[in-house]
Amino acid sequence: MVTLQLNRRMLRTEHVARITGLSASTLTKLRLTGGGPRYIKLGRAVVYDPDDIEAWLASNRRSSTSAVKSEQKRGA
């Protein structure tokens, strides 16, 4: 069952761009390729749940460039 937290504010693309340091167009491209954070479509508007942004940022955290190479070899 899905529980809604109606008091939580969703974030627009421009706000997520400021938070992440990415451009809005990069976030648009990531939506097309599936490499970005989860998002919600409300008509023509795109919004992001702050929890999804935090989870996406955490999943992209690295301690070194070699950590990325070893994950790619494992197929992660």
PDB file of N, CA and C in Angstrom:
ATOM      1  N   MET A   1       0.834  -1.178   0.000  1.00  0.00           N
ATOM      2  CA  MET A   1       0.000   0.000   0.000  1.00  0.00           C
ATOM      3  C   MET A   1       0.883   1.247   0.000  1.00  0.00           C
ATOM      4  N   VAL A   2       0.520   2.228  -0.751  1.00  0.00           N
ATOM      5  CA  VAL A   2       1.254   3.484  -0.844  1.00  0.00           C
ATOM      6  C   VAL A   2       0.686   4.464   0.167  1.00  0.00           C
ATOM      7  N   THR A   3       1.573   5.037   0.979  1.00  0.00           N
ATOM      8  CA  THR A   3       1.127   6.078   1.902  1.00  0.00           C
ATOM      9  C   THR A   3       1.663   7.408   1.407  1.00  0.00           C
ATOM     10  N   LEU A   4       0.818   8.394   1.376  1.00  0.00           N
ATOM     11  CA  LEU A   4       1.194   9.705   0.873  1.00  0.00           C
ATOM     12  C   LEU A   4       1.496  10.649   2.015  1.00  0.00           C
ATOM     13  N   GLN A   5       2.538  11.424   1.831  1.00  0.00           N
ATOM     14  CA  GLN A   5       2.842  12.494   2.768  1.00  0.00           C
ATOM     15  C   GLN A   5       2.483  13.791   2.058  1.00  0.00           C
ATOM     16  N   LEU A   6       1.263  14.235   2.243  1.00  0.00           N
ATOM     17  CA  LEU A   6       0.750  15.368   1.489  1.00  0.00           C
ATOM     18  C   LEU A   6       1.385  16.692   1.890  1.00  0.00           C
ATOM     19  N   ASN A   7       2.045  16.727   3.033  1.00  0.00           N
ATOM     20  CA  ASN A   7       2.678  17.978   3.444  1.00  0.00           C
ATOM     21  C   ASN A   7       4.073  18.152   2.846  1.00  0.00           C
ATOM     22  N   ARG A   8       4.573  17.145   2.159  1.00  0.00           N
ATOM     23  CA  ARG A   8       5.909  17.239   1.554  1.00  0.00           C
ATOM     24  C   ARG A   8       5.817  17.921   0.196  1.00  0.00           C
ATOM     25  N   ARG A   9       6.730  18.816  -0.070  1.00  0.00           N
ATOM     26  CA  ARG A   9       6.736  19.549  -1.335  1.00  0.00           C
ATOM     27  C   ARG A   9       7.597  18.819  -2.363  1.00  0.00           C
ATOM     28  N   MET A  10       7.065  18.693  -3.557  1.00  0.00           N
ATOM     29  CA  MET A  10       7.827  18.135  -4.661  1.00  0.00           C
ATOM     30  C   MET A  10       8.723  19.224  -5.237  1.00  0.00           C
ATOM     31  N   LEU A  11       9.784  18.814  -5.901  1.00  0.00           N
ATOM     32  CA  LEU A  11      10.759  19.754  -6.447  1.00  0.00           C
ATOM     33  C   LEU A  11      10.662  19.796  -7.962  1.00  0.00           C
ATOM     34  N   ARG A  12      10.717  20.976  -8.529  1.00  0.00           N
ATOM     35  CA  ARG A  12      10.741  21.140  -9.985  1.00  0.00           C
ATOM     36  C   ARG A  12      12.166  20.910 -10.501  1.00  0.00           C
ATOM     37  N   THR A  13      12.276  20.706 -11.797  1.00  0.00           N
ATOM     38  CA  THR A  13      13.563  20.414 -12.431  1.00  0.00           C
ATOM     39  C   THR A  13      14.602  21.491 -12.126  1.00  0.00           C
ATOM     40  N   GLU A  14      14.207  22.755 -12.182  1.00  0.00           N
ATOM     41  CA  GLU A  14      15.149  23.847 -11.954  1.00  0.00           C
ATOM     42  C   GLU A  14      15.709  23.810 -10.536  1.00  0.00           C
ATOM     43  N   HIS A  15      14.877  23.453  -9.569  1.00  0.00           N
ATOM     44  CA  HIS A  15      15.334  23.356  -8.187  1.00  0.00           C
ATOM     45  C   HIS A  15      16.302  22.187  -8.017  1.00  0.00           C
ATOM     46  N   VAL A  16      15.984  21.053  -8.625  1.00  0.00           N
ATOM     47  CA  VAL A  16      16.862  19.882  -8.559  1.00  0.00           C
ATOM     48  C   VAL A  16      18.194  20.199  -9.242  1.00  0.00           C
ATOM     49  N   ALA A  17      18.149  20.959 -10.318  1.00  0.00           N
ATOM     50  CA  ALA A  17      19.379  21.354 -10.999  1.00  0.00           C
ATOM     51  C   ALA A  17      20.272  22.165 -10.045  1.00  0.00           C
ATOM     52  N   ARG A  18      19.675  23.094  -9.305  1.00  0.00           N
ATOM     53  CA  ARG A  18      20.467  23.889  -8.351  1.00  0.00           C
ATOM     54  C   ARG A  18      21.029  23.019  -7.235  1.00  0.00           C
ATOM     55  N   ILE A  19      20.224  22.078  -6.746  1.00  0.00           N
ATOM     56  CA  ILE A  19      20.668  21.203  -5.658  1.00  0.00           C
ATOM     57  C   ILE A  19      21.839  20.326  -6.096  1.00  0.00           C
ATOM     58  N   THR A  20      21.740  19.762  -7.292  1.00  0.00           N
ATOM     59  CA  THR A  20      22.734  18.787  -7.757  1.00  0.00           C
ATOM     60  C   THR A  20      23.920  19.415  -8.470  1.00  0.00           C
ATOM     61  N   GLY A  21      23.762  20.644  -8.942  1.00  0.00           N
ATOM     62  CA  GLY A  21      24.824  21.265  -9.723  1.00  0.00           C
ATOM     63  C   GLY A  21      24.778  20.867 -11.192  1.00  0.00           C
ATOM     64  N   LEU A  22      23.749  20.139 -11.586  1.00  0.00           N
ATOM     65  CA  LEU A  22      23.561  19.770 -12.990  1.00  0.00           C
ATOM     66  C   LEU A  22      22.667  20.803 -13.658  1.00  0.00           C
ATOM     67  N   SER A  23      22.712  20.856 -14.965  1.00  0.00           N
ATOM     68  CA  SER A  23      21.809  21.761 -15.678  1.00  0.00           C
ATOM     69  C   SER A  23      20.446  21.091 -15.837  1.00  0.00           C
ATOM     70  N   ALA A  24      19.438  21.904 -16.049  1.00  0.00           N
ATOM     71  CA  ALA A  24      18.093  21.375 -16.292  1.00  0.00           C
ATOM     72  C   ALA A  24      18.085  20.492 -17.532  1.00  0.00           C
ATOM     73  N   SER A  25      18.849  20.865 -18.548  1.00  0.00           N
ATOM     74  CA  SER A  25      18.879  20.053 -19.774  1.00  0.00           C
ATOM     75  C   SER A  25      19.548  18.700 -19.528  1.00  0.00           C
ATOM     76  N   THR A  26      20.525  18.650 -18.634  1.00  0.00           N
ATOM     77  CA  THR A  26      21.138  17.365 -18.288  1.00  0.00           C
ATOM     78  C   THR A  26      20.123  16.472 -17.588  1.00  0.00           C
ATOM     79  N   LEU A  27      19.337  17.032 -16.680  1.00  0.00           N
ATOM     80  CA  LEU A  27      18.295  16.243 -16.021  1.00  0.00           C
ATOM     81  C   LEU A  27      17.266  15.743 -17.033  1.00  0.00           C
ATOM     82  N   THR A  28      16.938  16.576 -18.026  1.00  0.00           N
ATOM     83  CA  THR A  28      16.014  16.145 -19.079  1.00  0.00           C
ATOM     84  C   THR A  28      16.594  14.966 -19.840  1.00  0.00           C
ATOM     85  N   LYS A  29      17.861  15.044 -20.187  1.00  0.00           N
ATOM     86  CA  LYS A  29      18.518  13.934 -20.903  1.00  0.00           C
ATOM     87  C   LYS A  29      18.558  12.679 -20.049  1.00  0.00           C
ATOM     88  N   LEU A  30      18.823  12.845 -18.747  1.00  0.00           N
ATOM     89  CA  LEU A  30      18.850  11.688 -17.855  1.00  0.00           C
ATOM     90  C   LEU A  30      17.476  11.040 -17.744  1.00  0.00           C
ATOM     91  N   ARG A  31      16.417  11.830 -17.838  1.00  0.00           N
ATOM     92  CA  ARG A  31      15.075  11.244 -17.841  1.00  0.00           C
ATOM     93  C   ARG A  31      14.876  10.392 -19.089  1.00  0.00           C
ATOM     94  N   LEU A  32      15.414  10.812 -20.202  1.00  0.00           N
ATOM     95  CA  LEU A  32      15.268  10.057 -21.451  1.00  0.00           C
ATOM     96  C   LEU A  32      16.080   8.771 -21.438  1.00  0.00           C
ATOM     97  N   THR A  33      17.276   8.814 -20.844  1.00  0.00           N
ATOM     98  CA  THR A  33      18.162   7.651 -20.861  1.00  0.00           C
ATOM     99  C   THR A  33      17.968   6.739 -19.664  1.00  0.00           C
ATOM    100  N   GLY A  34      17.246   7.218 -18.651  1.00  0.00           N
ATOM    101  CA  GLY A  34      17.016   6.406 -17.468  1.00  0.00           C
ATOM    102  C   GLY A  34      18.140   6.451 -16.451  1.00  0.00           C
ATOM    103  N   GLY A  35      19.077   7.367 -16.595  1.00  0.00           N
ATOM    104  CA  GLY A  35      20.211   7.411 -15.676  1.00  0.00           C
ATOM    105  C   GLY A  35      20.070   8.374 -14.528  1.00  0.00           C
ATOM    106  N   GLY A  36      18.968   9.082 -14.464  1.00  0.00           N
ATOM    107  CA  GLY A  36      18.810  10.109 -13.447  1.00  0.00           C
ATOM    108  C   GLY A  36      17.939   9.670 -12.290  1.00  0.00           C
ATOM    109  N   PRO A  37      17.589  10.618 -11.441  1.00  0.00           N
ATOM    110  CA  PRO A  37      16.727  10.298 -10.308  1.00  0.00           C
ATOM    111  C   PRO A  37      15.302   9.998 -10.768  1.00  0.00           C
ATOM    112  N   ARG A  38      14.570   9.263  -9.943  1.00  0.00           N
ATOM    113  CA  ARG A  38      13.163   8.990 -10.241  1.00  0.00           C
ATOM    114  C   ARG A  38      12.406  10.306 -10.270  1.00  0.00           C
ATOM    115  N   TYR A  39      11.375  10.365 -11.094  1.00  0.00           N
ATOM    116  CA  TYR A  39      10.587  11.590 -11.232  1.00  0.00           C
ATOM    117  C   TYR A  39       9.120  11.237 -11.387  1.00  0.00           C
ATOM    118  N   ILE A  40       8.287  12.257 -11.278  1.00  0.00           N
ATOM    119  CA  ILE A  40       6.839  12.095 -11.386  1.00  0.00           C
ATOM    120  C   ILE A  40       6.337  13.042 -12.469  1.00  0.00           C
ATOM    121  N   LYS A  41       5.488  12.538 -13.364  1.00  0.00           N
ATOM    122  CA  LYS A  41       4.862  13.371 -14.394  1.00  0.00           C
ATOM    123  C   LYS A  41       3.472  13.754 -13.923  1.00  0.00           C
ATOM    124  N   LEU A  42       3.207  15.038 -13.883  1.00  0.00           N
ATOM    125  CA  LEU A  42       1.881  15.569 -13.552  1.00  0.00           C
ATOM    126  C   LEU A  42       1.427  16.394 -14.740  1.00  0.00           C
ATOM    127  N   GLY A  43       0.726  15.759 -15.654  1.00  0.00           N
ATOM    128  CA  GLY A  43       0.400  16.433 -16.906  1.00  0.00           C
ATOM    129  C   GLY A  43       1.690  16.666 -17.676  1.00  0.00           C
ATOM    130  N   ARG A  44       1.967  17.932 -17.986  1.00  0.00           N
ATOM    131  CA  ARG A  44       3.226  18.260 -18.672  1.00  0.00           C
ATOM    132  C   ARG A  44       4.351  18.589 -17.700  1.00  0.00           C
ATOM    133  N   ALA A  45       4.013  18.756 -16.443  1.00  0.00           N
ATOM    134  CA  ALA A  45       5.011  19.118 -15.438  1.00  0.00           C
ATOM    135  C   ALA A  45       5.766  17.879 -14.956  1.00  0.00           C
ATOM    136  N   VAL A  46       7.041  18.071 -14.655  1.00  0.00           N
ATOM    137  CA  VAL A  46       7.886  17.031 -14.077  1.00  0.00           C
ATOM    138  C   VAL A  46       8.287  17.507 -12.691  1.00  0.00           C
ATOM    139  N   VAL A  47       8.081  16.645 -11.707  1.00  0.00           N
ATOM    140  CA  VAL A  47       8.485  16.965 -10.344  1.00  0.00           C
ATOM    141  C   VAL A  47       9.263  15.792  -9.767  1.00  0.00           C
ATOM    142  N   TYR A  48      10.025  16.089  -8.734  1.00  0.00           N
ATOM    143  CA  TYR A  48      10.867  15.085  -8.085  1.00  0.00           C
ATOM    144  C   TYR A  48      10.540  15.051  -6.606  1.00  0.00           C
ATOM    145  N   ASP A  49      10.511  13.856  -6.049  1.00  0.00           N
ATOM    146  CA  ASP A  49      10.355  13.680  -4.611  1.00  0.00           C
ATOM    147  C   ASP A  49      11.739  13.900  -3.981  1.00  0.00           C
ATOM    148  N   PRO A  50      11.848  14.739  -2.959  1.00  0.00           N
ATOM    149  CA  PRO A  50      13.156  14.975  -2.328  1.00  0.00           C
ATOM    150  C   PRO A  50      13.836  13.685  -1.850  1.00  0.00           C
ATOM    151  N   ASP A  51      13.054  12.701  -1.386  1.00  0.00           N
ATOM    152  CA  ASP A  51      13.643  11.424  -0.961  1.00  0.00           C
ATOM    153  C   ASP A  51      14.313  10.707  -2.128  1.00  0.00           C
ATOM    154  N   ASP A  52      13.716  10.797  -3.325  1.00  0.00           N
ATOM    155  CA  ASP A  52      14.312  10.170  -4.507  1.00  0.00           C
ATOM    156  C   ASP A  52      15.608  10.872  -4.906  1.00  0.00           C
ATOM    157  N   ILE A  53      15.658  12.184  -4.744  1.00  0.00           N
ATOM    158  CA  ILE A  53      16.890  12.924  -5.056  1.00  0.00           C
ATOM    159  C   ILE A  53      17.992  12.500  -4.099  1.00  0.00           C
ATOM    160  N   GLU A  54      17.678  12.433  -2.810  1.00  0.00           N
ATOM    161  CA  GLU A  54      18.673  12.006  -1.823  1.00  0.00           C
ATOM    162  C   GLU A  54      19.163  10.589  -2.101  1.00  0.00           C
ATOM    163  N   ALA A  55      18.254   9.689  -2.440  1.00  0.00           N
ATOM    164  CA  ALA A  55      18.627   8.306  -2.731  1.00  0.00           C
ATOM    165  C   ALA A  55      19.511   8.231  -3.974  1.00  0.00           C
ATOM    166  N   TRP A  56      19.174   9.001  -4.995  1.00  0.00           N
ATOM    167  CA  TRP A  56      19.963   8.996  -6.230  1.00  0.00           C
ATOM    168  C   TRP A  56      21.362   9.545  -5.973  1.00  0.00           C
ATOM    169  N   LEU A  57      21.438  10.633  -5.223  1.00  0.00           N
ATOM    170  CA  LEU A  57      22.751  11.189  -4.889  1.00  0.00           C
ATOM    171  C   LEU A  57      23.577  10.182  -4.087  1.00  0.00           C
ATOM    172  N   ALA A  58      22.955   9.525  -3.127  1.00  0.00           N
ATOM    173  CA  ALA A  58      23.664   8.533  -2.321  1.00  0.00           C
ATOM    174  C   ALA A  58      24.140   7.357  -3.178  1.00  0.00           C
ATOM    175  N   SER A  59      23.335   6.953  -4.145  1.00  0.00           N
ATOM    176  CA  SER A  59      23.715   5.817  -4.997  1.00  0.00           C
ATOM    177  C   SER A  59      24.865   6.167  -5.937  1.00  0.00           C
ATOM    178  N   ASN A  60      25.112   7.444  -6.138  1.00  0.00           N
ATOM    179  CA  ASN A  60      26.204   7.873  -7.011  1.00  0.00           C
ATOM    180  C   ASN A  60      27.441   8.312  -6.234  1.00  0.00           C
ATOM    181  N   ARG A  61      27.436   8.104  -4.930  1.00  0.00           N
ATOM    182  CA  ARG A  61      28.571   8.486  -4.088  1.00  0.00           C
ATOM    183  C   ARG A  61      29.727   7.529  -4.335  1.00  0.00           C
ATOM    184  N   ARG A  62      30.904   8.067  -4.507  1.00  0.00           N
ATOM    185  CA  ARG A  62      32.105   7.274  -4.746  1.00  0.00           C
ATOM    186  C   ARG A  62      33.221   7.774  -3.845  1.00  0.00           C
ATOM    187  N   SER A  63      34.126   6.877  -3.479  1.00  0.00           N
ATOM    188  CA  SER A  63      35.277   7.287  -2.676  1.00  0.00           C
ATOM    189  C   SER A  63      36.518   7.469  -3.541  1.00  0.00           C
ATOM    190  N   SER A  64      36.513   6.876  -4.735  1.00  0.00           N
ATOM    191  CA  SER A  64      37.639   7.052  -5.653  1.00  0.00           C
ATOM    192  C   SER A  64      37.207   6.652  -7.059  1.00  0.00           C
ATOM    193  N   THR A  65      38.019   7.027  -8.037  1.00  0.00           N
ATOM    194  CA  THR A  65      37.695   6.636  -9.413  1.00  0.00           C
ATOM    195  C   THR A  65      37.869   5.141  -9.616  1.00  0.00           C
ATOM    196  N   SER A  66      38.727   4.503  -8.837  1.00  0.00           N
ATOM    197  CA  SER A  66      38.896   3.052  -8.978  1.00  0.00           C
ATOM    198  C   SER A  66      37.669   2.314  -8.491  1.00  0.00           C
ATOM    199  N   ALA A  67      36.905   2.896  -7.568  1.00  0.00           N
ATOM    200  CA  ALA A  67      35.672   2.260  -7.106  1.00  0.00           C
ATOM    201  C   ALA A  67      34.682   2.156  -8.256  1.00  0.00           C
ATOM    202  N   VAL A  68      34.630   3.149  -9.128  1.00  0.00           N
ATOM    203  CA  VAL A  68      33.736   3.111 -10.279  1.00  0.00           C
ATOM    204  C   VAL A  68      34.177   2.006 -11.235  1.00  0.00           C
ATOM    205  N   LYS A  69      35.473   1.888 -11.473  1.00  0.00           N
ATOM    206  CA  LYS A  69      35.971   0.868 -12.407  1.00  0.00           C
ATOM    207  C   LYS A  69      35.683  -0.534 -11.896  1.00  0.00           C
ATOM    208  N   SER A  70      35.854  -0.774 -10.595  1.00  0.00           N
ATOM    209  CA  SER A  70      35.600  -2.118 -10.070  1.00  0.00           C
ATOM    210  C   SER A  70      34.106  -2.445 -10.115  1.00  0.00           C
ATOM    211  N   GLU A  71      33.232  -1.449  -9.918  1.00  0.00           N
ATOM    212  CA  GLU A  71      31.795  -1.696 -10.010  1.00  0.00           C
ATOM    213  C   GLU A  71      31.391  -1.999 -11.443  1.00  0.00           C
ATOM    214  N   GLN A  72      32.028  -1.334 -12.419  1.00  0.00           N
ATOM    215  CA  GLN A  72      31.703  -1.585 -13.821  1.00  0.00           C
ATOM    216  C   GLN A  72      32.123  -2.994 -14.203  1.00  0.00           C
ATOM    217  N   LYS A  73      33.241  -3.474 -13.674  1.00  0.00           N
ATOM    218  CA  LYS A  73      33.695  -4.824 -13.986  1.00  0.00           C
ATOM    219  C   LYS A  73      32.749  -5.877 -13.418  1.00  0.00           C
ATOM    220  N   ARG A  74      32.174  -5.588 -12.231  1.00  0.00           N
ATOM    221  CA  ARG A  74      31.248  -6.526 -11.601  1.00  0.00           C
ATOM    222  C   ARG A  74      29.864  -6.471 -12.247  1.00  0.00           C
ATOM    223  N   GLY A  75      29.618  -5.438 -13.053  1.00  0.00           N
ATOM    224  CA  GLY A  75      28.311  -5.303 -13.675  1.00  0.00           C
ATOM    225  C   GLY A  75      27.303  -4.609 -12.797  1.00  0.00           C
ATOM    226  N   ALA A  76      27.779  -3.852 -11.808  1.00  0.00           N
ATOM    227  CA  ALA A  76      26.870  -3.135 -10.895  1.00  0.00           C
ATOM    228  C   ALA A  76      26.263  -1.928 -11.528  1.00  0.00           C
TER     229      ALA A  76
END
